[in-house]
Amino acid sequence: MPSALKVRLSPQENQDLIELCLSSRVPKRTKKRALALRLLNRGFSVQEIGLDLNYAPQTVREIFYRWISQGLSGLFDKKRPGRPSKCKPEDLEFLEKSLDQEEKAYNSKQLAYKLHEERQVKLSPCQVRRLLKKKDENGNVSDLAIKN
C-alpha cells in the first residue's frame, strides 16, 4: 500500500464535495468522507487525516479507494438490510395534519391509537414517539407539543 495517497480533484469535483459537506440532508459520515477527500487533495497525510477525523488510517485509505472506483456515490452508505417500516410517510403526514387541525395535545399512546383506528397501522407508542422525534430533527413536524 502506498504510504502517501494523492488526490487531484477538478474544480467541479471540489465544489461537489463542498456542497456535500454543507448540505443539511447529507449524513454526518458522508460529510466526513467528503472532508477526508478534500484534505487529501490539500496534501495532508493519511495519518494526519485519521487523527483529525478520528478515523483509522485504513479507513481513510478505504474512502480514497471507494472514491476512485465509485466516484461520488462511493461516499454514501449502502442500503442496510432489514424489515421495511410499517409506517409510511403518508401516515406521518396524517398525524401531523391531525395535530395541526385539532387544537389538542396528544400523548404517544393516543397518537398510536388514532393511527391504528383511522389508518390500520399498528405501532407502539414508543415507535410513534421515535418516528416523530426523528422527523422533528429535520424540522418537519408541527409545533404542537407531544407529551410522553
C-alpha atoms as a PDB file:
ATOM      1  CA  MET A   1       0.000   0.000   0.000  1.00  0.00           C
ATOM      2  CA  PRO A   2       1.254   3.454  -0.779  1.00  0.00           C
ATOM      3  CA  SER A   3       2.368   5.491   2.188  1.00  0.00           C
ATOM      4  CA  ALA A   4       1.086   8.767   0.757  1.00  0.00           C
ATOM      5  CA  LEU A   5      -2.143   8.912  -1.216  1.00  0.00           C
ATOM      6  CA  LYS A   6      -2.599  11.772  -3.649  1.00  0.00           C
ATOM      7  CA  VAL A   7      -5.959  13.024  -4.825  1.00  0.00           C
ATOM      8  CA  ARG A   8      -6.260  15.542  -7.617  1.00  0.00           C
ATOM      9  CA  LEU A   9      -9.750  16.974  -7.624  1.00  0.00           C
ATOM     10  CA  SER A  10     -11.078  19.002 -10.521  1.00  0.00           C
ATOM     11  CA  PRO A  11     -12.722  22.316  -9.579  1.00  0.00           C
ATOM     12  CA  GLN A  12     -16.144  20.737 -10.215  1.00  0.00           C
ATOM     13  CA  GLU A  13     -15.353  17.712  -8.016  1.00  0.00           C
ATOM     14  CA  ASN A  14     -14.104  20.001  -5.254  1.00  0.00           C
ATOM     15  CA  GLN A  15     -17.284  22.087  -5.496  1.00  0.00           C
ATOM     16  CA  ASP A  16     -19.425  18.927  -5.307  1.00  0.00           C
ATOM     17  CA  LEU A  17     -17.574  17.848  -2.165  1.00  0.00           C
ATOM     18  CA  ILE A  18     -18.009  21.306  -0.607  1.00  0.00           C
ATOM     19  CA  GLU A  19     -21.755  21.137  -1.290  1.00  0.00           C
ATOM     20  CA  LEU A  20     -21.891  17.676   0.305  1.00  0.00           C
ATOM     21  CA  CYS A  21     -20.136  18.982   3.409  1.00  0.00           C
ATOM     22  CA  LEU A  22     -22.533  21.922   3.748  1.00  0.00           C
ATOM     23  CA  SER A  23     -25.794  20.150   2.947  1.00  0.00           C
ATOM     24  CA  SER A  24     -28.176  19.558   5.848  1.00  0.00           C
ATOM     25  CA  ARG A  25     -29.703  16.491   4.174  1.00  0.00           C
ATOM     26  CA  VAL A  26     -26.460  14.509   3.975  1.00  0.00           C
ATOM     27  CA  PRO A  27     -25.495  12.112   6.799  1.00  0.00           C
ATOM     28  CA  LYS A  28     -22.536  13.076   9.004  1.00  0.00           C
ATOM     29  CA  ARG A  29     -20.496  10.058   7.889  1.00  0.00           C
ATOM     30  CA  THR A  30     -20.791  11.106   4.253  1.00  0.00           C
ATOM     31  CA  LYS A  31     -19.752  14.653   5.150  1.00  0.00           C
ATOM     32  CA  LYS A  32     -16.680  13.336   6.971  1.00  0.00           C
ATOM     33  CA  ARG A  33     -15.737  11.201   3.961  1.00  0.00           C
ATOM     34  CA  ALA A  34     -16.027  14.220   1.661  1.00  0.00           C
ATOM     35  CA  LEU A  35     -13.886  16.228   4.068  1.00  0.00           C
ATOM     36  CA  ALA A  36     -11.271  13.461   4.128  1.00  0.00           C
ATOM     37  CA  LEU A  37     -11.019  13.623   0.332  1.00  0.00           C
ATOM     38  CA  ARG A  38     -10.701  17.399   0.390  1.00  0.00           C
ATOM     39  CA  LEU A  39      -7.906  17.120   2.958  1.00  0.00           C
ATOM     40  CA  LEU A  40      -6.146  14.503   0.827  1.00  0.00           C
ATOM     41  CA  ASN A  41      -6.412  16.934  -2.079  1.00  0.00           C
ATOM     42  CA  ARG A  42      -4.719  19.608   0.042  1.00  0.00           C
ATOM     43  CA  GLY A  43      -1.760  17.315   0.672  1.00  0.00           C
ATOM     44  CA  PHE A  44      -2.436  16.093   4.203  1.00  0.00           C
ATOM     45  CA  SER A  45      -1.189  12.611   5.037  1.00  0.00           C
ATOM     46  CA  VAL A  46      -3.428   9.641   5.770  1.00  0.00           C
ATOM     47  CA  GLN A  47      -2.278   9.633   9.393  1.00  0.00           C
ATOM     48  CA  GLU A  48      -2.994  13.356   9.867  1.00  0.00           C
ATOM     49  CA  ILE A  49      -6.491  12.995   8.414  1.00  0.00           C
ATOM     50  CA  GLY A  50      -7.121   9.944  10.565  1.00  0.00           C
ATOM     51  CA  LEU A  51      -6.170  11.855  13.703  1.00  0.00           C
ATOM     52  CA  ASP A  52      -8.257  14.888  12.744  1.00  0.00           C
ATOM     53  CA  LEU A  53     -11.400  12.947  11.858  1.00  0.00           C
ATOM     54  CA  ASN A  54     -10.980  10.160  14.433  1.00  0.00           C
ATOM     55  CA  TYR A  55     -10.543   7.526  11.717  1.00  0.00           C
ATOM     56  CA  ALA A  56      -8.030   4.720  11.472  1.00  0.00           C
ATOM     57  CA  PRO A  57      -5.559   5.239   8.599  1.00  0.00           C
ATOM     58  CA  GLN A  58      -7.029   2.182   6.864  1.00  0.00           C
ATOM     59  CA  THR A  59     -10.460   3.850   6.881  1.00  0.00           C
ATOM     60  CA  VAL A  60      -9.040   6.924   5.137  1.00  0.00           C
ATOM     61  CA  ARG A  61      -7.472   4.648   2.513  1.00  0.00           C
ATOM     62  CA  GLU A  62     -10.816   2.849   2.021  1.00  0.00           C
ATOM     63  CA  ILE A  63     -12.535   6.210   1.467  1.00  0.00           C
ATOM     64  CA  PHE A  64      -9.908   7.027  -1.162  1.00  0.00           C
ATOM     65  CA  TYR A  65     -10.336   3.714  -2.991  1.00  0.00           C
ATOM     66  CA  ARG A  66     -14.138   3.962  -2.866  1.00  0.00           C
ATOM     67  CA  TRP A  67     -13.845   7.421  -4.419  1.00  0.00           C
ATOM     68  CA  ILE A  68     -11.578   6.096  -7.170  1.00  0.00           C
ATOM     69  CA  SER A  69     -13.783   3.111  -8.003  1.00  0.00           C
ATOM     70  CA  GLN A  70     -17.303   4.512  -7.436  1.00  0.00           C
ATOM     71  CA  GLY A  71     -16.977   8.278  -7.584  1.00  0.00           C
ATOM     72  CA  LEU A  72     -19.322  10.468  -5.570  1.00  0.00           C
ATOM     73  CA  SER A  73     -21.768   7.639  -4.886  1.00  0.00           C
ATOM     74  CA  GLY A  74     -18.977   5.734  -3.101  1.00  0.00           C
ATOM     75  CA  LEU A  75     -19.102   8.259  -0.252  1.00  0.00           C
ATOM     76  CA  PHE A  76     -22.642   7.292   0.732  1.00  0.00           C
ATOM     77  CA  ASP A  77     -23.521   4.270   2.852  1.00  0.00           C
ATOM     78  CA  LYS A  78     -25.077   1.269   1.175  1.00  0.00           C
ATOM     79  CA  LYS A  79     -28.705   0.497   1.931  1.00  0.00           C
ATOM     80  CA  ARG A  80     -28.853  -1.539   5.109  1.00  0.00           C
ATOM     81  CA  PRO A  81     -30.731  -4.809   5.293  1.00  0.00           C
ATOM     82  CA  GLY A  82     -33.790  -5.140   7.430  1.00  0.00           C
ATOM     83  CA  ARG A  83     -37.505  -5.244   7.527  1.00  0.00           C
ATOM     84  CA  PRO A  84     -39.274  -2.330   5.832  1.00  0.00           C
ATOM     85  CA  SER A  85     -41.016   0.133   8.109  1.00  0.00           C
ATOM     86  CA  LYS A  86     -44.715  -0.373   8.806  1.00  0.00           C
ATOM     87  CA  CYS A  87     -45.197   3.379   8.872  1.00  0.00           C
ATOM     88  CA  LYS A  88     -45.263   5.151   5.525  1.00  0.00           C
ATOM     89  CA  PRO A  89     -44.633   8.883   5.018  1.00  0.00           C
ATOM     90  CA  GLU A  90     -48.368   9.355   4.378  1.00  0.00           C
ATOM     91  CA  ASP A  91     -49.079   8.013   7.870  1.00  0.00           C
ATOM     92  CA  LEU A  92     -46.765  10.569   9.471  1.00  0.00           C
ATOM     93  CA  GLU A  93     -48.371  13.302   7.368  1.00  0.00           C
ATOM     94  CA  PHE A  94     -51.762  12.152   8.667  1.00  0.00           C
ATOM     95  CA  LEU A  95     -50.530  12.515  12.243  1.00  0.00           C
ATOM     96  CA  GLU A  96     -49.104  15.960  11.512  1.00  0.00           C
ATOM     97  CA  LYS A  97     -52.366  17.136   9.956  1.00  0.00           C
ATOM     98  CA  SER A  98     -54.276  15.782  12.926  1.00  0.00           C
ATOM     99  CA  LEU A  99     -52.022  17.710  15.295  1.00  0.00           C
ATOM    100  CA  ASP A 100     -52.367  20.894  13.243  1.00  0.00           C
ATOM    101  CA  GLN A 101     -56.144  20.738  12.737  1.00  0.00           C
ATOM    102  CA  GLU A 102     -57.150  19.714  16.230  1.00  0.00           C
ATOM    103  CA  GLU A 103     -56.195  22.172  18.941  1.00  0.00           C
ATOM    104  CA  LYS A 104     -55.403  19.357  21.346  1.00  0.00           C
ATOM    105  CA  ALA A 105     -52.147  17.953  22.690  1.00  0.00           C
ATOM    106  CA  TYR A 106     -51.791  14.203  22.232  1.00  0.00           C
ATOM    107  CA  ASN A 107     -49.597  11.757  24.064  1.00  0.00           C
ATOM    108  CA  SER A 108     -47.900   8.950  22.179  1.00  0.00           C
ATOM    109  CA  LYS A 109     -50.483   6.347  23.265  1.00  0.00           C
ATOM    110  CA  GLN A 110     -53.300   8.459  21.861  1.00  0.00           C
ATOM    111  CA  LEU A 111     -51.438   9.005  18.601  1.00  0.00           C
ATOM    112  CA  ALA A 112     -50.722   5.277  18.240  1.00  0.00           C
ATOM    113  CA  TYR A 113     -54.414   4.508  18.869  1.00  0.00           C
ATOM    114  CA  LYS A 114     -55.550   7.177  16.380  1.00  0.00           C
ATOM    115  CA  LEU A 115     -53.182   5.814  13.738  1.00  0.00           C
ATOM    116  CA  HIS A 116     -54.467   2.278  14.298  1.00  0.00           C
ATOM    117  CA  GLU A 117     -58.146   3.279  14.236  1.00  0.00           C
ATOM    118  CA  GLU A 118     -58.031   5.539  11.186  1.00  0.00           C
ATOM    119  CA  ARG A 119     -55.191   4.123   9.044  1.00  0.00           C
ATOM    120  CA  GLN A 120     -54.983   0.480  10.265  1.00  0.00           C
ATOM    121  CA  VAL A 121     -51.283   0.911  11.069  1.00  0.00           C
ATOM    122  CA  LYS A 122     -50.333  -0.693  14.358  1.00  0.00           C
ATOM    123  CA  LEU A 123     -47.318   0.922  16.030  1.00  0.00           C
ATOM    124  CA  SER A 124     -46.288   1.043  19.650  1.00  0.00           C
ATOM    125  CA  PRO A 125     -46.393   4.409  21.438  1.00  0.00           C
ATOM    126  CA  CYS A 126     -42.598   4.298  21.716  1.00  0.00           C
ATOM    127  CA  GLN A 127     -42.277   3.810  17.978  1.00  0.00           C
ATOM    128  CA  VAL A 128     -44.662   6.680  17.216  1.00  0.00           C
ATOM    129  CA  ARG A 129     -42.672   8.943  19.529  1.00  0.00           C
ATOM    130  CA  ARG A 130     -39.371   7.867  17.963  1.00  0.00           C
ATOM    131  CA  LEU A 131     -40.630   8.464  14.402  1.00  0.00           C
ATOM    132  CA  LEU A 132     -41.968  11.914  15.255  1.00  0.00           C
ATOM    133  CA  LYS A 133     -38.754  12.854  17.043  1.00  0.00           C
ATOM    134  CA  LYS A 134     -36.746  11.672  14.063  1.00  0.00           C
ATOM    135  CA  LYS A 135     -38.874  13.785  11.770  1.00  0.00           C
ATOM    136  CA  ASP A 136     -38.573  16.706  14.192  1.00  0.00           C
ATOM    137  CA  GLU A 137     -34.773  16.694  13.788  1.00  0.00           C
ATOM    138  CA  ASN A 138     -35.302  17.711  10.171  1.00  0.00           C
ATOM    139  CA  GLY A 139     -37.729  20.459  11.199  1.00  0.00           C
ATOM    140  CA  ASN A 140     -40.750  18.885   9.550  1.00  0.00           C
ATOM    141  CA  VAL A 141     -43.097  18.116  12.416  1.00  0.00           C
ATOM    142  CA  SER A 142     -45.747  20.518  13.688  1.00  0.00           C
ATOM    143  CA  ASP A 143     -45.012  22.861  16.591  1.00  0.00           C
ATOM    144  CA  LEU A 144     -47.673  21.418  18.903  1.00  0.00           C
ATOM    145  CA  ALA A 145     -46.216  19.622  21.889  1.00  0.00           C
ATOM    146  CA  ILE A 146     -46.481  15.867  22.079  1.00  0.00           C
ATOM    147  CA  LYS A 147     -46.495  14.642  25.650  1.00  0.00           C
ATOM    148  CA  ASN A 148     -44.836  11.360  26.528  1.00  0.00           C
END
